[in-house]
Protein backbone atom coordinates (compact mmCIF):
# COMPACT_ATOMS: atom_id res chain seq x y z
CA UNK A 1 101.18 118.11 17.02
CA UNK A 2 102.99 114.89 17.72
CA UNK A 3 105.95 116.73 19.23
CA UNK A 4 103.70 118.83 21.48
CA UNK A 5 101.83 115.77 22.79
CA UNK A 6 105.13 113.92 23.41
CA UNK A 7 106.57 116.87 25.34
CA UNK A 8 103.45 117.17 27.45
CA UNK A 9 103.50 113.45 28.32
CA UNK A 10 107.17 113.69 29.25
CA UNK A 11 106.54 116.64 31.56
CA UNK A 12 103.57 114.86 33.18
CA UNK A 13 105.62 111.71 33.75
CA UNK A 14 108.48 113.65 35.33
CA UNK A 15 106.01 115.43 37.60
CA UNK A 16 104.52 112.14 38.79
CA UNK A 17 107.99 110.72 39.45
CA UNK A 18 108.96 113.77 41.47
CA UNK A 19 105.76 113.47 43.48
CA UNK A 20 106.48 109.83 44.30
CA UNK A 21 110.01 110.68 45.39
CA UNK A 22 108.75 113.46 47.68
CA UNK A 23 106.14 111.11 49.18
CA UNK A 24 108.79 108.47 49.78
CA UNK A 25 111.06 110.97 51.52
CA UNK A 26 108.19 112.19 53.69
CA UNK A 27 107.35 108.60 54.64
CA UNK A 28 110.96 107.86 55.60
CA UNK A 29 111.07 110.97 57.76
CA UNK A 30 108.22 109.64 59.91
CA UNK A 31 109.65 106.13 60.34
CA UNK A 32 111.25 105.18 63.66
CA UNK A 33 115.05 105.16 63.64
CA UNK A 34 116.60 101.72 63.26
CA UNK A 35 117.68 100.04 66.50
CA UNK A 36 121.41 100.01 67.15
CA UNK A 37 123.76 99.06 69.98
CA UNK A 38 123.08 102.45 71.58
CA UNK A 39 119.59 103.44 70.43
CA UNK A 40 116.07 102.09 70.45
CA UNK A 41 113.64 100.76 73.08
CA UNK A 42 113.77 97.30 74.65
CA UNK A 43 112.12 95.49 77.56
CA UNK A 44 114.07 93.33 79.99
CA UNK A 45 113.16 91.33 83.11
CA UNK A 46 115.32 91.29 86.24
CA UNK A 47 115.30 89.45 89.54
CA UNK A 48 113.68 91.93 91.95
CA UNK A 49 116.34 91.29 94.59
CA UNK A 50 118.81 93.14 92.34
CA UNK A 51 116.70 96.23 91.73
CA UNK A 52 119.16 98.78 93.24
CA UNK A 53 122.12 97.73 91.10
CA UNK A 54 120.09 97.17 87.92
CA UNK A 55 118.50 100.61 88.31
CA UNK A 56 121.97 102.13 88.66
CA UNK A 57 123.28 100.38 85.56
CA UNK A 58 120.33 101.46 83.42
CA UNK A 59 120.50 105.05 84.68
CA UNK A 60 124.15 105.42 83.68
CA UNK A 61 123.72 103.61 80.35
CA UNK A 62 120.78 105.80 79.33
CA UNK A 63 122.55 108.98 80.44
CA UNK A 64 125.44 108.11 78.12
CA UNK A 65 123.13 107.07 75.28
CA UNK A 66 120.12 109.45 75.21
CA UNK A 67 118.51 107.62 72.28
CA UNK A 68 118.35 104.36 74.26
CA UNK A 69 115.47 103.35 76.52
CA UNK A 70 115.56 100.18 78.63
CA UNK A 71 112.27 99.31 80.30
CA UNK A 72 112.87 96.88 83.17
CA UNK A 73 110.28 94.61 84.76
CA UNK A 74 111.23 93.37 88.26
CA UNK A 75 109.93 89.89 89.03
CA UNK A 76 110.74 86.68 90.80
CA UNK A 77 113.55 84.67 89.24
CA UNK A 78 111.16 81.98 88.01
CA UNK A 79 109.01 84.60 86.29
CA UNK A 80 112.11 86.04 84.61
CA UNK A 81 112.87 82.63 83.11
CA UNK A 82 109.28 82.33 81.89
CA UNK A 83 109.79 85.66 80.12
CA UNK A 84 112.33 84.01 77.83
CA UNK A 85 109.24 82.78 76.00
CA UNK A 86 107.81 86.30 75.70
CA UNK A 87 108.68 87.94 72.39
CA UNK A 88 108.95 91.46 73.81
CA UNK A 89 111.52 90.55 76.50
CA UNK A 90 115.05 90.87 75.14
CA UNK A 91 117.15 90.04 78.22
CA UNK A 92 116.78 88.65 81.72
CA UNK A 93 119.05 89.20 84.75
CA UNK A 94 119.06 86.27 87.20
CA UNK A 95 121.31 84.23 89.51
CA UNK A 96 121.87 81.20 87.32
CA UNK A 97 122.61 80.39 83.69
CA UNK A 98 120.71 78.14 81.33
CA UNK A 99 120.71 74.41 81.89
CA UNK A 100 121.56 72.17 78.90
CA UNK A 101 117.89 71.26 78.58
CA UNK A 102 116.84 74.92 78.62
CA UNK A 103 119.47 75.73 75.98
CA UNK A 104 118.12 72.97 73.73
CA UNK A 105 114.51 74.13 74.11
CA UNK A 106 115.39 77.76 73.42
CA UNK A 107 117.51 76.84 70.41
CA UNK A 108 114.61 74.86 68.98
CA UNK A 109 112.28 77.81 69.58
CA UNK A 110 114.54 80.69 68.57
CA UNK A 111 116.78 78.82 66.05
CA UNK A 112 119.90 80.12 67.85
CA UNK A 113 121.63 79.72 71.21
CA UNK A 114 120.93 82.69 73.52
CA UNK A 115 124.26 83.84 74.99
CA UNK A 116 124.59 84.09 78.77
CA UNK A 117 127.33 84.72 81.29
CA UNK A 118 128.31 85.91 84.76
CA UNK A 119 128.55 89.68 85.26
CA UNK A 120 129.21 89.93 89.01
CA UNK A 121 128.99 88.08 92.30
CA UNK A 122 126.51 88.96 95.01
CA UNK A 123 126.09 87.68 98.55
CA UNK A 124 123.02 86.99 100.65
CA UNK A 125 123.27 89.04 103.82
CA UNK A 126 121.72 87.85 107.07
CA UNK A 127 120.10 90.80 108.83
CA UNK A 128 118.83 91.02 112.40
CA UNK A 129 116.94 93.55 114.49
CA UNK A 130 119.05 96.33 116.00
CA UNK A 131 118.09 95.15 119.48
CA UNK A 132 119.03 91.54 118.81
CA UNK A 133 121.72 90.09 121.06
CA UNK A 134 122.72 87.62 118.34
CA UNK A 135 124.94 88.84 115.51
CA UNK A 136 127.32 85.89 115.03
CA UNK A 137 126.05 82.73 113.33
CA UNK A 138 127.55 79.53 111.96
CA UNK A 139 126.20 78.10 108.73
CA UNK A 140 124.71 75.30 110.80
CA UNK A 141 122.83 77.96 112.77
CA UNK A 142 121.50 79.46 109.55
CA UNK A 143 120.43 76.04 108.25
CA UNK A 144 118.70 75.10 111.47
CA UNK A 145 116.80 78.42 111.53
CA UNK A 146 115.63 77.71 107.98
CA UNK A 147 114.57 74.19 108.97
CA UNK A 148 112.81 75.35 112.13
CA UNK A 149 114.99 73.13 114.34
CA UNK A 150 117.16 75.86 115.83
CA UNK A 151 117.49 76.78 119.46
CA UNK A 152 117.29 80.39 118.36
CA UNK A 153 113.83 82.00 118.69
CA UNK A 154 113.84 83.17 115.07
CA UNK A 155 111.85 82.63 111.91
CA UNK A 156 113.46 83.47 108.58
CA UNK A 157 112.11 86.22 106.31
CA UNK A 158 112.65 86.04 102.53
CA UNK A 159 111.59 88.24 99.60
CA UNK A 160 108.69 85.94 98.78
CA UNK A 161 107.90 82.31 99.59
CA UNK A 162 108.06 80.75 96.14
CA UNK A 163 110.00 81.26 92.91
CA UNK A 164 112.51 83.92 94.08
CA UNK A 165 116.27 83.45 93.91
CA UNK A 166 116.55 83.70 97.70
CA UNK A 167 113.94 80.96 98.11
CA UNK A 168 115.83 78.78 95.61
CA UNK A 169 119.07 79.34 97.57
CA UNK A 170 117.40 78.33 100.84
CA UNK A 171 115.70 75.31 99.30
CA UNK A 172 118.67 74.02 97.29
CA UNK A 173 121.62 75.09 99.45
CA UNK A 174 120.39 75.40 103.04
CA UNK A 175 117.69 72.72 102.97
CA UNK A 176 119.40 70.42 100.44
CA UNK A 177 116.28 70.18 98.30
CA UNK A 178 113.82 69.75 101.15
CA UNK A 179 110.44 71.47 101.05
CA UNK A 180 110.20 74.99 102.47
CA UNK A 181 108.78 74.71 105.98
CA UNK A 182 106.68 76.95 108.27
CA UNK A 183 109.80 78.60 109.70
CA UNK A 184 110.24 80.46 106.36
CA UNK A 185 108.07 83.56 105.99
CA UNK A 186 107.67 85.38 102.69
CA UNK A 187 107.56 89.17 102.43
CA UNK A 188 106.45 91.21 99.41
CA UNK A 189 110.00 92.25 98.46
CA UNK A 190 113.46 92.98 99.90
CA UNK A 191 112.38 96.38 101.20
CA UNK A 192 109.56 94.70 103.11
CA UNK A 193 112.05 92.22 104.62
CA UNK A 194 114.17 95.11 105.93
CA UNK A 195 111.13 96.89 107.37
CA UNK A 196 109.82 93.73 109.05
CA UNK A 197 113.16 92.88 110.66
CA UNK A 198 113.53 96.47 111.87
CA UNK A 199 110.21 96.14 113.73
CA UNK A 200 110.45 92.55 115.00
CA UNK A 201 113.06 90.91 117.17
CA UNK A 202 111.84 87.36 116.52
CA UNK A 203 113.07 87.04 112.94
CA UNK A 204 116.16 87.19 110.74
CA UNK A 205 116.14 88.14 107.08
CA UNK A 206 118.05 87.05 103.98
CA UNK A 207 118.47 89.75 101.32
CA UNK A 208 120.89 90.54 98.53
CA UNK A 209 123.84 92.64 99.64
CA UNK A 210 123.08 95.14 96.86
CA UNK A 211 120.26 96.44 99.09
CA UNK A 212 122.42 97.28 102.10
CA UNK A 213 126.06 96.81 101.12
CA UNK A 214 126.81 100.36 99.97
CA UNK A 215 127.09 102.78 102.93
CA UNK A 216 127.76 105.62 100.46
CA UNK A 217 124.22 105.29 99.06
CA UNK A 218 121.82 107.45 101.11
CA UNK A 219 118.92 105.00 100.85
CA UNK A 220 121.06 102.01 101.81
CA UNK A 221 122.59 104.02 104.65
CA UNK A 222 119.06 104.59 105.97
CA UNK A 223 118.42 100.84 105.76
CA UNK A 224 121.59 100.17 107.77
CA UNK A 225 120.18 102.34 110.56
CA UNK A 226 117.15 100.06 110.75
CA UNK A 227 118.88 96.67 110.95
CA UNK A 228 122.24 95.03 111.62
CA UNK A 229 124.19 92.83 109.22
CA UNK A 230 125.13 89.62 111.01
CA UNK A 231 128.53 87.96 110.67
CA UNK A 232 128.66 84.37 109.42
CA UNK A 233 131.22 81.70 110.19
CA UNK A 234 134.04 82.13 107.71
CA UNK A 235 135.08 79.42 105.33
CA UNK A 236 138.79 79.33 104.41
CA UNK A 237 139.67 81.50 107.41
CA UNK A 238 142.81 81.30 109.51
CA UNK A 239 142.76 84.72 111.16
CA UNK A 240 139.14 85.11 112.22
CA UNK A 241 136.05 82.91 112.50
CA UNK A 242 133.20 85.30 111.42
CA UNK A 243 132.88 87.59 108.41
CA UNK A 244 130.37 89.92 106.77
CA UNK A 245 129.42 90.00 103.07
CA UNK A 246 132.03 92.56 102.05
CA UNK A 247 133.65 92.59 98.61
CA UNK A 248 137.00 91.31 99.87
CA UNK A 249 135.32 88.39 101.62
CA UNK A 250 133.36 87.53 98.47
CA UNK A 251 136.55 87.78 96.40
CA UNK A 252 138.44 85.41 98.70
CA UNK A 253 135.45 83.06 99.12
CA UNK A 254 135.54 83.66 102.85
CA UNK A 255 131.85 84.52 103.06
CA UNK A 256 129.78 81.34 102.66
CA UNK A 257 126.59 82.62 100.98
CA UNK A 258 127.74 83.87 97.56
CA UNK A 259 125.74 83.76 94.34
CA UNK A 260 126.53 84.82 90.75
CA UNK A 261 124.60 87.39 88.74
CA UNK A 262 123.94 86.35 85.11
CA UNK A 263 122.66 88.01 81.97
CA UNK A 264 120.77 85.88 79.44
CA UNK A 265 120.38 87.69 76.11
CA UNK A 266 117.64 86.80 73.65
CA UNK A 267 119.15 88.58 70.65
CA UNK A 268 121.18 87.35 67.67
CA UNK A 269 121.97 90.71 66.09
CA UNK A 270 123.74 93.91 67.12
CA UNK A 271 120.74 95.51 68.83
CA UNK A 272 120.26 97.50 72.01
CA UNK A 273 120.24 94.33 74.12
CA UNK A 274 123.75 93.51 72.91
CA UNK A 275 124.83 97.09 73.58
CA UNK A 276 123.55 96.96 77.16
CA UNK A 277 125.15 93.53 77.70
CA UNK A 278 128.49 94.91 76.50
CA UNK A 279 128.12 97.83 78.88
CA UNK A 280 127.47 95.47 81.82
CA UNK A 281 130.43 93.16 81.22
CA UNK A 282 133.03 95.76 80.24
CA UNK A 283 134.75 98.49 82.22
CA UNK A 284 131.95 101.00 82.84
CA UNK A 285 129.38 98.48 83.99
CA UNK A 286 131.94 96.52 86.00
CA UNK A 287 132.93 99.69 87.85
CA UNK A 288 129.30 100.30 88.74
CA UNK A 289 129.10 96.79 90.21
CA UNK A 290 132.24 97.57 92.20
CA UNK A 291 130.86 100.85 93.53
CA UNK A 292 127.70 99.01 94.56
CA UNK A 293 129.88 96.63 96.65
CA UNK A 294 129.27 93.58 94.50
CA UNK A 295 132.26 91.72 93.13
CA UNK A 296 132.83 92.40 89.41
CA UNK A 297 133.31 89.15 87.49
CA UNK A 298 135.03 90.60 84.40
CA UNK A 299 137.71 92.92 85.81
CA UNK A 300 140.73 92.60 88.07
CA UNK A 301 139.97 93.21 91.73
CA UNK A 302 142.63 94.41 94.13
CA UNK A 303 142.31 93.85 97.87
CA UNK A 304 144.18 96.22 100.12
CA UNK A 305 145.69 94.97 103.35
CA UNK A 306 142.97 95.63 105.89
CA UNK A 307 140.91 93.88 108.55
CA UNK A 308 138.21 91.98 106.65
CA UNK A 309 137.20 89.57 109.39
CA UNK A 310 134.38 91.79 110.60
């Protein structure tokens, strides 16, 4: 009797153990896969003036890594920096790095230093109406238009009136810290700037070259039919006084309105944010920047002998 009861208890115990193991396996099967450098879902914020190139980078990255999903939120630059305090935002893409004070605050909050760095160089293009007689400007002309003291009959259109990277460039670089005046008009976004300039001959626009710099892109080619890209007085030139925001002119610092493009990564482990950052700064991402007519910051750039003064 004792042996029978012992055997029955042993069988019952083994059955319960098997049931627990099966339940555990079933539970693991329904769990989400662990995030890696090439899989998972993350949210990032990006300066809206770089939407064309950021869209291109994400499209290629996701096509190469089907288990990865990057959800991008396009905002003003200032709003992107505010998103560093939002837990769900893993990376921001903006035109400046972190100041020492910002690094200290973030380290105190996150307990680590968020890495950041330059990925590429962009230029602000000055666009005019197709019927405009003016297509050559000095930097003094551009500054005086921004200040409202120019002899030109133009106002200046930007992709917003506060908090955007273009507004910061105008305020800090063109106006030397002065307050934005009534000569500056804010549009909803870069696309709206292009459309406004195409319909009005009394304004010039400042937009990132990634919107109109690639004539091989069908959408950008359609934009180039709407407006003209003005030439700006060259700096460091000996063979020609005016240049456009072409790659070679950015590379040689001939074009005067150049700005960097940074990533700031809020991640201290090998997650999808790190994987996307690696993609952006290494060969594949750098080649996408090059094809988009920005200047890659992390790869060698060869300039062929050609006329780059136009």
